[in-house]
Amino acid sequence: MQPNTELGQEIAWLRGARLISSNDALNAPEDLKTWLHLTTSVTKKLQQTFQTKPGLRLLDGGLEQGNPWERELLLTEQDVFARHIALTIEEEPIVLARSVTTRGRGMDALTKLNTRPLAELLFEEPQWKRQSGTRYLALQGGAQGRGCVWHNRDSDIVLIVQEFFLDSLFTKIRSAL
């Protein structure tokens, strides 16, 4: 898969996502906290907020070294498979996401999605369960987000789903009011 060069910097930021303390997340602006603590699908929440289904732009996907904290959560020393996407409203990216898993069945599950939102798989197929313990994250570009671990009870696939809420999301929400 060829990376989307228009968002090349954002792909580098996603690859370099770092853990931040829960105190940093608690001190986030209220509008960001709503998204950080969301327990339902971000895609569905965007659709409710903007009264239109968000677009999904597949940015990049493939094997890579991954971050040490990602490999630790996935219990692997090997390269990981990562899928990078942007959720858009009116063609403007408002959420960046990175999904990370191990080679094999996890990688197969992500590659089969193509441009299907991962939320459709995770929230609509009952064998997927979100694990407790949200990780709070930040990108080099300043956007904050969260990481959630998902487990498939049938196939034992583990995914780390990271979502980052861009300033453009909050600008669009304010302009829609």
N, C-alpha and C. Protein backbone atom coordinates (compact mmCIF):
# COMPACT_ATOMS: atom_id res chain seq x y z
N MET A 1 0.84 -1.17 0.00
CA MET A 1 0.00 0.00 0.00
C MET A 1 0.89 1.24 0.00
N GLN A 2 0.60 2.19 -0.86
CA GLN A 2 1.36 3.43 -0.92
C GLN A 2 0.76 4.45 0.05
N PRO A 3 1.60 5.11 0.86
CA PRO A 3 1.07 6.09 1.80
C PRO A 3 0.49 7.29 1.07
N ASN A 4 -0.52 7.90 1.67
CA ASN A 4 -1.10 9.13 1.17
C ASN A 4 -0.11 10.25 1.49
N THR A 5 0.54 10.80 0.45
CA THR A 5 1.59 11.79 0.68
C THR A 5 1.05 13.10 1.24
N GLU A 6 -0.23 13.38 0.99
CA GLU A 6 -0.83 14.59 1.51
C GLU A 6 -0.80 14.59 3.04
N LEU A 7 -0.90 13.42 3.64
CA LEU A 7 -0.90 13.30 5.10
C LEU A 7 0.33 12.56 5.61
N GLY A 8 1.45 12.66 4.89
CA GLY A 8 2.66 11.94 5.25
C GLY A 8 3.18 12.29 6.63
N GLN A 9 3.11 13.56 7.01
CA GLN A 9 3.57 13.98 8.34
C GLN A 9 2.72 13.34 9.42
N GLU A 10 1.42 13.27 9.18
CA GLU A 10 0.52 12.69 10.16
C GLU A 10 0.80 11.20 10.37
N ILE A 11 1.18 10.50 9.28
CA ILE A 11 1.54 9.08 9.41
C ILE A 11 2.76 8.94 10.32
N ALA A 12 3.74 9.80 10.13
CA ALA A 12 4.92 9.78 11.00
C ALA A 12 4.53 10.07 12.45
N TRP A 13 3.61 11.00 12.66
CA TRP A 13 3.14 11.29 14.01
C TRP A 13 2.47 10.08 14.62
N LEU A 14 1.60 9.40 13.84
CA LEU A 14 0.90 8.22 14.35
C LEU A 14 1.90 7.14 14.76
N ARG A 15 2.93 6.96 13.97
CA ARG A 15 3.93 5.94 14.30
C ARG A 15 4.69 6.30 15.57
N GLY A 16 4.76 7.56 15.89
CA GLY A 16 5.50 8.00 17.07
C GLY A 16 4.63 8.35 18.26
N ALA A 17 3.38 7.89 18.26
CA ALA A 17 2.48 8.20 19.38
C ALA A 17 3.10 7.78 20.70
N ARG A 18 2.96 8.65 21.69
CA ARG A 18 3.56 8.35 22.99
C ARG A 18 2.49 8.34 24.06
N LEU A 19 2.74 7.55 25.08
CA LEU A 19 1.84 7.49 26.23
C LEU A 19 1.96 8.77 27.03
N ILE A 20 0.82 9.26 27.54
CA ILE A 20 0.83 10.40 28.46
C ILE A 20 0.11 9.97 29.74
N SER A 21 0.28 10.73 30.78
CA SER A 21 -0.31 10.36 32.07
C SER A 21 -1.82 10.60 32.04
N SER A 22 -2.52 9.87 32.89
CA SER A 22 -3.96 10.08 33.00
C SER A 22 -4.25 11.47 33.56
N ASN A 23 -3.32 12.04 34.32
CA ASN A 23 -3.49 13.41 34.81
C ASN A 23 -3.54 14.40 33.66
N ASP A 24 -2.69 14.19 32.64
CA ASP A 24 -2.73 15.06 31.46
C ASP A 24 -4.10 14.96 30.78
N ALA A 25 -4.63 13.75 30.71
CA ALA A 25 -5.95 13.56 30.09
C ALA A 25 -7.04 14.20 30.95
N LEU A 26 -6.91 14.12 32.28
CA LEU A 26 -7.90 14.74 33.16
C LEU A 26 -7.89 16.25 33.04
N ASN A 27 -6.74 16.82 32.70
CA ASN A 27 -6.61 18.27 32.56
C ASN A 27 -6.90 18.75 31.14
N ALA A 28 -7.33 17.87 30.29
CA ALA A 28 -7.65 18.24 28.90
C ALA A 28 -8.91 19.11 28.88
N PRO A 29 -9.08 19.90 27.83
CA PRO A 29 -10.32 20.68 27.70
C PRO A 29 -11.55 19.76 27.72
N GLU A 30 -12.66 20.29 28.20
CA GLU A 30 -13.88 19.48 28.35
C GLU A 30 -14.34 18.86 27.05
N ASP A 31 -14.24 19.60 25.93
CA ASP A 31 -14.71 19.04 24.66
C ASP A 31 -13.86 17.84 24.24
N LEU A 32 -12.57 17.85 24.57
CA LEU A 32 -11.71 16.71 24.27
C LEU A 32 -12.01 15.54 25.20
N LYS A 33 -12.25 15.82 26.49
CA LYS A 33 -12.55 14.75 27.45
C LYS A 33 -13.74 13.91 27.01
N THR A 34 -14.75 14.55 26.43
CA THR A 34 -15.92 13.82 25.94
C THR A 34 -15.50 12.72 24.98
N TRP A 35 -14.57 13.01 24.09
CA TRP A 35 -14.11 12.04 23.09
C TRP A 35 -13.15 11.03 23.70
N LEU A 36 -12.32 11.46 24.63
CA LEU A 36 -11.37 10.54 25.26
C LEU A 36 -12.07 9.46 26.07
N HIS A 37 -13.24 9.79 26.62
CA HIS A 37 -13.95 8.86 27.50
C HIS A 37 -15.13 8.18 26.81
N LEU A 38 -15.28 8.36 25.54
CA LEU A 38 -16.36 7.75 24.78
C LEU A 38 -16.26 6.23 24.85
N THR A 39 -17.37 5.56 25.13
CA THR A 39 -17.36 4.10 25.21
C THR A 39 -18.03 3.47 23.99
N THR A 40 -18.60 4.28 23.13
CA THR A 40 -19.23 3.79 21.91
C THR A 40 -18.31 4.10 20.73
N SER A 41 -18.77 3.81 19.55
CA SER A 41 -18.00 4.00 18.33
C SER A 41 -17.76 5.48 18.02
N VAL A 42 -16.50 5.85 17.78
CA VAL A 42 -16.17 7.22 17.37
C VAL A 42 -16.85 7.53 16.04
N THR A 43 -16.87 6.57 15.13
CA THR A 43 -17.50 6.78 13.82
C THR A 43 -18.98 7.11 13.98
N LYS A 44 -19.68 6.36 14.84
CA LYS A 44 -21.11 6.63 15.07
C LYS A 44 -21.32 7.97 15.75
N LYS A 45 -20.46 8.31 16.70
CA LYS A 45 -20.58 9.60 17.39
C LYS A 45 -20.36 10.76 16.40
N LEU A 46 -19.41 10.58 15.47
CA LEU A 46 -19.19 11.61 14.45
C LEU A 46 -20.43 11.74 13.57
N GLN A 47 -21.02 10.61 13.20
CA GLN A 47 -22.21 10.63 12.35
C GLN A 47 -23.37 11.34 13.07
N GLN A 48 -23.53 11.08 14.36
CA GLN A 48 -24.58 11.76 15.13
C GLN A 48 -24.30 13.25 15.24
N THR A 49 -23.04 13.60 15.46
CA THR A 49 -22.66 14.99 15.65
C THR A 49 -22.85 15.81 14.38
N PHE A 50 -22.46 15.25 13.23
CA PHE A 50 -22.47 16.01 11.98
C PHE A 50 -23.62 15.64 11.05
N GLN A 51 -24.47 14.71 11.47
CA GLN A 51 -25.62 14.28 10.67
C GLN A 51 -25.22 13.77 9.29
N THR A 52 -24.02 13.21 9.19
CA THR A 52 -23.54 12.60 7.95
C THR A 52 -22.48 11.58 8.32
N LYS A 53 -22.41 10.53 7.52
CA LYS A 53 -21.40 9.51 7.79
C LYS A 53 -20.02 10.07 7.46
N PRO A 54 -19.06 9.94 8.37
CA PRO A 54 -17.72 10.46 8.06
C PRO A 54 -17.06 9.65 6.95
N GLY A 55 -16.23 10.32 6.18
CA GLY A 55 -15.43 9.62 5.18
C GLY A 55 -14.28 8.90 5.86
N LEU A 56 -13.76 7.90 5.18
CA LEU A 56 -12.61 7.16 5.70
C LEU A 56 -11.55 7.17 4.62
N ARG A 57 -10.41 7.75 4.94
CA ARG A 57 -9.27 7.78 4.01
C ARG A 57 -8.19 6.85 4.54
N LEU A 58 -7.94 5.79 3.79
CA LEU A 58 -6.89 4.84 4.16
C LEU A 58 -5.54 5.49 3.83
N LEU A 59 -4.72 5.71 4.85
CA LEU A 59 -3.46 6.42 4.67
C LEU A 59 -2.29 5.49 4.37
N ASP A 60 -2.23 4.39 5.09
CA ASP A 60 -1.06 3.52 4.98
C ASP A 60 -1.34 2.24 5.77
N GLY A 61 -0.63 1.20 5.44
CA GLY A 61 -0.74 -0.02 6.20
C GLY A 61 0.40 -0.95 5.84
N GLY A 62 0.91 -1.67 6.82
CA GLY A 62 1.97 -2.62 6.55
C GLY A 62 2.71 -2.99 7.82
N LEU A 63 3.70 -3.85 7.64
CA LEU A 63 4.53 -4.27 8.77
C LEU A 63 5.51 -3.17 9.12
N GLU A 64 5.73 -2.98 10.41
CA GLU A 64 6.68 -1.99 10.90
C GLU A 64 7.15 -2.40 12.29
N GLN A 65 8.16 -1.71 12.77
CA GLN A 65 8.73 -2.05 14.07
C GLN A 65 7.74 -1.83 15.20
N GLY A 66 6.94 -0.80 15.11
CA GLY A 66 6.00 -0.49 16.19
C GLY A 66 6.71 0.14 17.38
N ASN A 67 5.94 0.68 18.28
CA ASN A 67 6.48 1.28 19.49
C ASN A 67 6.70 0.20 20.55
N PRO A 68 7.69 0.37 21.42
CA PRO A 68 7.91 -0.63 22.48
C PRO A 68 6.65 -0.90 23.30
N TRP A 69 5.89 0.14 23.62
CA TRP A 69 4.68 -0.08 24.44
C TRP A 69 3.62 -0.87 23.67
N GLU A 70 3.59 -0.71 22.34
CA GLU A 70 2.64 -1.50 21.54
C GLU A 70 3.04 -2.97 21.52
N ARG A 71 4.32 -3.23 21.30
CA ARG A 71 4.79 -4.61 21.27
C ARG A 71 4.60 -5.28 22.64
N GLU A 72 4.78 -4.51 23.71
CA GLU A 72 4.57 -5.05 25.06
C GLU A 72 3.10 -5.45 25.26
N LEU A 73 2.17 -4.58 24.84
CA LEU A 73 0.75 -4.91 24.97
C LEU A 73 0.35 -6.11 24.13
N LEU A 74 0.99 -6.25 22.96
CA LEU A 74 0.68 -7.36 22.06
C LEU A 74 1.49 -8.62 22.38
N LEU A 75 2.36 -8.52 23.37
CA LEU A 75 3.20 -9.65 23.78
C LEU A 75 4.01 -10.22 22.62
N THR A 76 4.68 -9.31 21.89
CA THR A 76 5.49 -9.76 20.76
C THR A 76 6.79 -8.98 20.69
N GLU A 77 7.81 -9.63 20.19
CA GLU A 77 9.10 -8.99 19.91
C GLU A 77 9.22 -8.72 18.41
N GLN A 78 8.30 -9.28 17.62
CA GLN A 78 8.36 -9.16 16.17
C GLN A 78 7.76 -7.84 15.70
N ASP A 79 7.96 -7.56 14.40
CA ASP A 79 7.31 -6.41 13.79
C ASP A 79 5.79 -6.57 13.94
N VAL A 80 5.10 -5.46 13.93
CA VAL A 80 3.65 -5.45 14.04
C VAL A 80 3.06 -4.99 12.72
N PHE A 81 1.78 -5.23 12.54
CA PHE A 81 1.07 -4.71 11.38
C PHE A 81 0.28 -3.50 11.86
N ALA A 82 0.40 -2.37 11.14
CA ALA A 82 -0.33 -1.16 11.51
C ALA A 82 -1.13 -0.65 10.31
N ARG A 83 -2.32 -0.18 10.61
CA ARG A 83 -3.20 0.44 9.61
C ARG A 83 -3.46 1.86 10.07
N HIS A 84 -3.24 2.83 9.18
CA HIS A 84 -3.42 4.24 9.50
C HIS A 84 -4.56 4.80 8.64
N ILE A 85 -5.50 5.47 9.29
CA ILE A 85 -6.61 6.07 8.56
C ILE A 85 -6.89 7.47 9.07
N ALA A 86 -7.62 8.23 8.26
CA ALA A 86 -8.17 9.52 8.69
C ALA A 86 -9.67 9.45 8.50
N LEU A 87 -10.42 9.85 9.51
CA LEU A 87 -11.85 10.04 9.37
C LEU A 87 -12.06 11.50 9.00
N THR A 88 -12.91 11.73 8.02
CA THR A 88 -13.06 13.08 7.47
C THR A 88 -14.52 13.52 7.49
N ILE A 89 -14.70 14.81 7.54
CA ILE A 89 -15.99 15.45 7.30
C ILE A 89 -15.72 16.51 6.25
N GLU A 90 -16.49 16.46 5.17
CA GLU A 90 -16.30 17.37 4.04
C GLU A 90 -14.86 17.32 3.55
N GLU A 91 -14.32 16.09 3.48
CA GLU A 91 -12.96 15.81 2.99
C GLU A 91 -11.84 16.29 3.91
N GLU A 92 -12.17 16.89 5.04
CA GLU A 92 -11.16 17.39 5.98
C GLU A 92 -10.93 16.38 7.09
N PRO A 93 -9.68 15.95 7.32
CA PRO A 93 -9.40 15.02 8.42
C PRO A 93 -9.75 15.65 9.77
N ILE A 94 -10.48 14.89 10.58
CA ILE A 94 -10.84 15.37 11.92
C ILE A 94 -10.40 14.39 13.00
N VAL A 95 -10.19 13.12 12.63
CA VAL A 95 -9.69 12.10 13.54
C VAL A 95 -8.66 11.28 12.78
N LEU A 96 -7.51 11.07 13.40
CA LEU A 96 -6.51 10.15 12.86
C LEU A 96 -6.54 8.90 13.72
N ALA A 97 -6.38 7.74 13.08
CA ALA A 97 -6.42 6.50 13.84
C ALA A 97 -5.32 5.56 13.37
N ARG A 98 -4.84 4.78 14.31
CA ARG A 98 -3.81 3.77 14.06
C ARG A 98 -4.28 2.49 14.75
N SER A 99 -4.37 1.42 13.99
CA SER A 99 -4.72 0.12 14.55
C SER A 99 -3.51 -0.78 14.40
N VAL A 100 -3.14 -1.46 15.48
CA VAL A 100 -1.91 -2.25 15.50
C VAL A 100 -2.23 -3.66 15.99
N THR A 101 -1.64 -4.65 15.33
CA THR A 101 -1.84 -6.03 15.71
C THR A 101 -0.61 -6.85 15.31
N THR A 102 -0.65 -8.12 15.62
CA THR A 102 0.46 -9.01 15.27
C THR A 102 0.26 -9.56 13.86
N ARG A 103 1.31 -10.19 13.36
CA ARG A 103 1.21 -10.88 12.08
C ARG A 103 0.20 -12.02 12.19
N GLY A 104 -0.25 -12.51 11.06
CA GLY A 104 -1.17 -13.65 11.07
C GLY A 104 -2.61 -13.21 11.01
N ARG A 105 -3.44 -13.79 11.89
CA ARG A 105 -4.88 -13.54 11.83
C ARG A 105 -5.25 -12.08 12.09
N GLY A 106 -4.53 -11.42 12.99
CA GLY A 106 -4.81 -10.00 13.26
C GLY A 106 -4.53 -9.16 12.03
N MET A 107 -3.40 -9.41 11.39
CA MET A 107 -3.03 -8.69 10.18
C MET A 107 -4.06 -8.97 9.08
N ASP A 108 -4.48 -10.22 8.95
CA ASP A 108 -5.49 -10.58 7.94
C ASP A 108 -6.79 -9.82 8.18
N ALA A 109 -7.22 -9.74 9.44
CA ALA A 109 -8.47 -9.04 9.77
C ALA A 109 -8.40 -7.57 9.38
N LEU A 110 -7.28 -6.92 9.65
CA LEU A 110 -7.16 -5.50 9.31
C LEU A 110 -7.05 -5.27 7.80
N THR A 111 -6.29 -6.11 7.10
CA THR A 111 -6.13 -5.90 5.66
C THR A 111 -7.44 -6.15 4.91
N LYS A 112 -8.27 -7.06 5.40
CA LYS A 112 -9.55 -7.33 4.75
C LYS A 112 -10.53 -6.17 4.87
N LEU A 113 -10.31 -5.28 5.83
CA LEU A 113 -11.22 -4.15 6.01
C LEU A 113 -11.22 -3.21 4.81
N ASN A 114 -10.05 -3.02 4.20
CA ASN A 114 -9.88 -2.05 3.12
C ASN A 114 -10.38 -0.69 3.62
N THR A 115 -11.49 -0.15 3.08
CA THR A 115 -11.97 1.14 3.55
C THR A 115 -13.20 1.01 4.46
N ARG A 116 -13.47 -0.20 4.93
CA ARG A 116 -14.56 -0.40 5.90
C ARG A 116 -14.08 0.10 7.26
N PRO A 117 -14.90 0.87 7.98
CA PRO A 117 -14.50 1.32 9.31
C PRO A 117 -14.30 0.13 10.26
N LEU A 118 -13.22 0.15 11.01
CA LEU A 118 -12.95 -0.89 11.99
C LEU A 118 -14.07 -0.98 13.03
N ALA A 119 -14.69 0.16 13.33
CA ALA A 119 -15.78 0.18 14.32
C ALA A 119 -16.90 -0.77 13.94
N GLU A 120 -17.16 -0.92 12.64
CA GLU A 120 -18.21 -1.84 12.21
C GLU A 120 -17.89 -3.27 12.65
N LEU A 121 -16.64 -3.63 12.58
CA LEU A 121 -16.22 -4.96 13.02
C LEU A 121 -16.29 -5.07 14.54
N LEU A 122 -15.71 -4.11 15.24
CA LEU A 122 -15.57 -4.21 16.69
C LEU A 122 -16.89 -4.08 17.44
N PHE A 123 -17.77 -3.20 16.98
CA PHE A 123 -19.00 -2.95 17.72
C PHE A 123 -20.18 -3.79 17.23
N GLU A 124 -20.04 -4.42 16.07
CA GLU A 124 -21.17 -5.18 15.52
C GLU A 124 -20.96 -6.69 15.60
N GLU A 125 -19.74 -7.14 15.79
CA GLU A 125 -19.49 -8.58 15.89
C GLU A 125 -19.24 -8.92 17.36
N PRO A 126 -20.11 -9.78 17.93
CA PRO A 126 -20.11 -9.98 19.40
C PRO A 126 -18.85 -10.64 19.97
N GLN A 127 -18.03 -11.26 19.14
CA GLN A 127 -16.83 -11.91 19.69
C GLN A 127 -15.74 -10.90 20.07
N TRP A 128 -15.91 -9.64 19.66
CA TRP A 128 -14.93 -8.61 20.01
C TRP A 128 -15.31 -7.96 21.34
N LYS A 129 -14.32 -7.81 22.21
CA LYS A 129 -14.56 -7.18 23.51
C LYS A 129 -13.43 -6.19 23.79
N ARG A 130 -13.83 -4.99 24.20
CA ARG A 130 -12.83 -3.99 24.57
C ARG A 130 -12.35 -4.29 25.98
N GLN A 131 -11.04 -4.32 26.15
CA GLN A 131 -10.45 -4.58 27.46
C GLN A 131 -10.46 -3.30 28.29
N SER A 132 -10.40 -3.45 29.59
CA SER A 132 -10.37 -2.28 30.46
C SER A 132 -8.99 -1.62 30.37
N GLY A 133 -8.92 -0.39 30.78
CA GLY A 133 -7.64 0.30 30.84
C GLY A 133 -7.30 1.09 29.60
N THR A 134 -7.96 2.22 29.43
CA THR A 134 -7.64 3.12 28.31
C THR A 134 -6.26 3.72 28.52
N ARG A 135 -5.47 3.75 27.46
CA ARG A 135 -4.18 4.43 27.49
C ARG A 135 -4.37 5.79 26.84
N TYR A 136 -3.84 6.83 27.47
CA TYR A 136 -3.93 8.17 26.91
C TYR A 136 -2.65 8.46 26.15
N LEU A 137 -2.83 9.10 24.98
CA LEU A 137 -1.73 9.24 24.03
C LEU A 137 -1.64 10.67 23.52
N ALA A 138 -0.48 10.99 22.96
CA ALA A 138 -0.30 12.28 22.30
C ALA A 138 0.60 12.07 21.09
N LEU A 139 0.33 12.89 20.07
CA LEU A 139 1.15 12.89 18.87
C LEU A 139 2.15 14.03 18.94
N GLN A 140 3.21 13.91 18.19
CA GLN A 140 4.21 14.99 18.13
C GLN A 140 3.56 16.30 17.70
N GLY A 141 2.56 16.23 16.84
CA GLY A 141 1.86 17.43 16.37
C GLY A 141 0.96 18.05 17.42
N GLY A 142 0.82 17.42 18.60
CA GLY A 142 0.06 17.99 19.69
C GLY A 142 -1.30 17.37 19.93
N ALA A 143 -1.87 16.67 18.97
CA ALA A 143 -3.19 16.08 19.15
C ALA A 143 -3.13 15.01 20.24
N GLN A 144 -4.17 15.01 21.06
CA GLN A 144 -4.28 13.98 22.10
C GLN A 144 -5.28 12.93 21.65
N GLY A 145 -5.13 11.75 22.23
CA GLY A 145 -6.03 10.67 21.88
C GLY A 145 -5.99 9.58 22.93
N ARG A 146 -6.47 8.43 22.50
CA ARG A 146 -6.54 7.31 23.42
C ARG A 146 -6.21 6.03 22.68
N GLY A 147 -5.83 5.02 23.44
CA GLY A 147 -5.59 3.70 22.88
C GLY A 147 -6.37 2.68 23.69
N CYS A 148 -7.09 1.82 22.98
CA CYS A 148 -7.88 0.78 23.62
C CYS A 148 -7.46 -0.57 23.04
N VAL A 149 -7.39 -1.56 23.91
CA VAL A 149 -7.05 -2.91 23.48
C VAL A 149 -8.34 -3.69 23.29
N TRP A 150 -8.45 -4.36 22.15
CA TRP A 150 -9.60 -5.19 21.81
C TRP A 150 -9.14 -6.62 21.65
N HIS A 151 -9.99 -7.55 22.07
CA HIS A 151 -9.67 -8.97 21.99
C HIS A 151 -10.82 -9.71 21.34
N ASN A 152 -10.49 -10.61 20.41
CA ASN A 152 -11.48 -11.47 19.78
C ASN A 152 -11.47 -12.80 20.52
N ARG A 153 -12.57 -13.11 21.17
CA ARG A 153 -12.65 -14.32 22.00
C ARG A 153 -12.56 -15.61 21.18
N ASP A 154 -13.00 -15.56 19.91
CA ASP A 154 -13.00 -16.78 19.08
C ASP A 154 -11.63 -17.08 18.48
N SER A 155 -10.96 -16.04 17.98
CA SER A 155 -9.71 -16.27 17.25
C SER A 155 -8.47 -15.84 18.03
N ASP A 156 -8.67 -15.25 19.20
CA ASP A 156 -7.57 -14.77 20.05
C ASP A 156 -6.77 -13.62 19.43
N ILE A 157 -7.35 -12.92 18.46
CA ILE A 157 -6.72 -11.74 17.88
C ILE A 157 -6.76 -10.62 18.91
N VAL A 158 -5.65 -9.87 19.01
CA VAL A 158 -5.59 -8.69 19.86
C VAL A 158 -5.25 -7.49 18.98
N LEU A 159 -6.00 -6.41 19.15
CA LEU A 159 -5.78 -5.16 18.41
C LEU A 159 -5.60 -4.02 19.40
N ILE A 160 -4.73 -3.09 19.05
CA ILE A 160 -4.66 -1.82 19.77
C ILE A 160 -5.22 -0.78 18.83
N VAL A 161 -6.29 -0.13 19.25
CA VAL A 161 -6.93 0.89 18.42
C VAL A 161 -6.63 2.25 19.05
N GLN A 162 -5.95 3.10 18.30
CA GLN A 162 -5.58 4.42 18.77
C GLN A 162 -6.34 5.46 17.95
N GLU A 163 -6.95 6.42 18.63
CA GLU A 163 -7.72 7.48 17.97
C GLU A 163 -7.26 8.83 18.49
N PHE A 164 -7.00 9.74 17.56
CA PHE A 164 -6.49 11.07 17.91
C PHE A 164 -7.44 12.13 17.36
N PHE A 165 -7.81 13.04 18.23
CA PHE A 165 -8.84 14.02 17.93
C PHE A 165 -8.18 15.35 17.55
N LEU A 166 -8.30 15.71 16.28
CA LEU A 166 -7.63 16.87 15.73
C LEU A 166 -8.38 18.16 16.05
N ASP A 167 -7.66 19.28 16.06
CA ASP A 167 -8.29 20.58 16.29
C ASP A 167 -9.42 20.83 15.30
N SER A 168 -9.27 20.31 14.08
CA SER A 168 -10.30 20.52 13.06
C SER A 168 -11.64 19.91 13.48
N LEU A 169 -11.64 18.86 14.30
CA LEU A 169 -12.88 18.28 14.81
C LEU A 169 -13.63 19.32 15.64
N PHE A 170 -12.94 19.97 16.55
CA PHE A 170 -13.58 20.91 17.46
C PHE A 170 -13.98 22.20 16.74
N THR A 171 -13.19 22.60 15.74
CA THR A 171 -13.55 23.77 14.91
C THR A 171 -14.84 23.48 14.17
N LYS A 172 -14.95 22.28 13.59
CA LYS A 172 -16.17 21.92 12.85
C LYS A 172 -17.38 21.80 13.79
N ILE A 173 -17.17 21.28 14.98
CA ILE A 173 -18.28 21.19 15.94
C ILE A 173 -18.77 22.58 16.30
N ARG A 174 -17.83 23.50 16.59
CA ARG A 174 -18.23 24.88 16.95
C ARG A 174 -18.94 25.58 15.80
N SER A 175 -18.49 25.34 14.58
CA SER A 175 -19.10 26.01 13.42
C SER A 175 -20.49 25.44 13.10
N ALA A 176 -20.74 24.20 13.56
CA ALA A 176 -22.05 23.57 13.32
C ALA A 176 -23.11 24.04 14.31
N LEU A 177 -22.68 24.66 15.40
CA LEU A 177 -23.64 25.11 16.44
C LEU A 177 -24.42 26.33 16.00
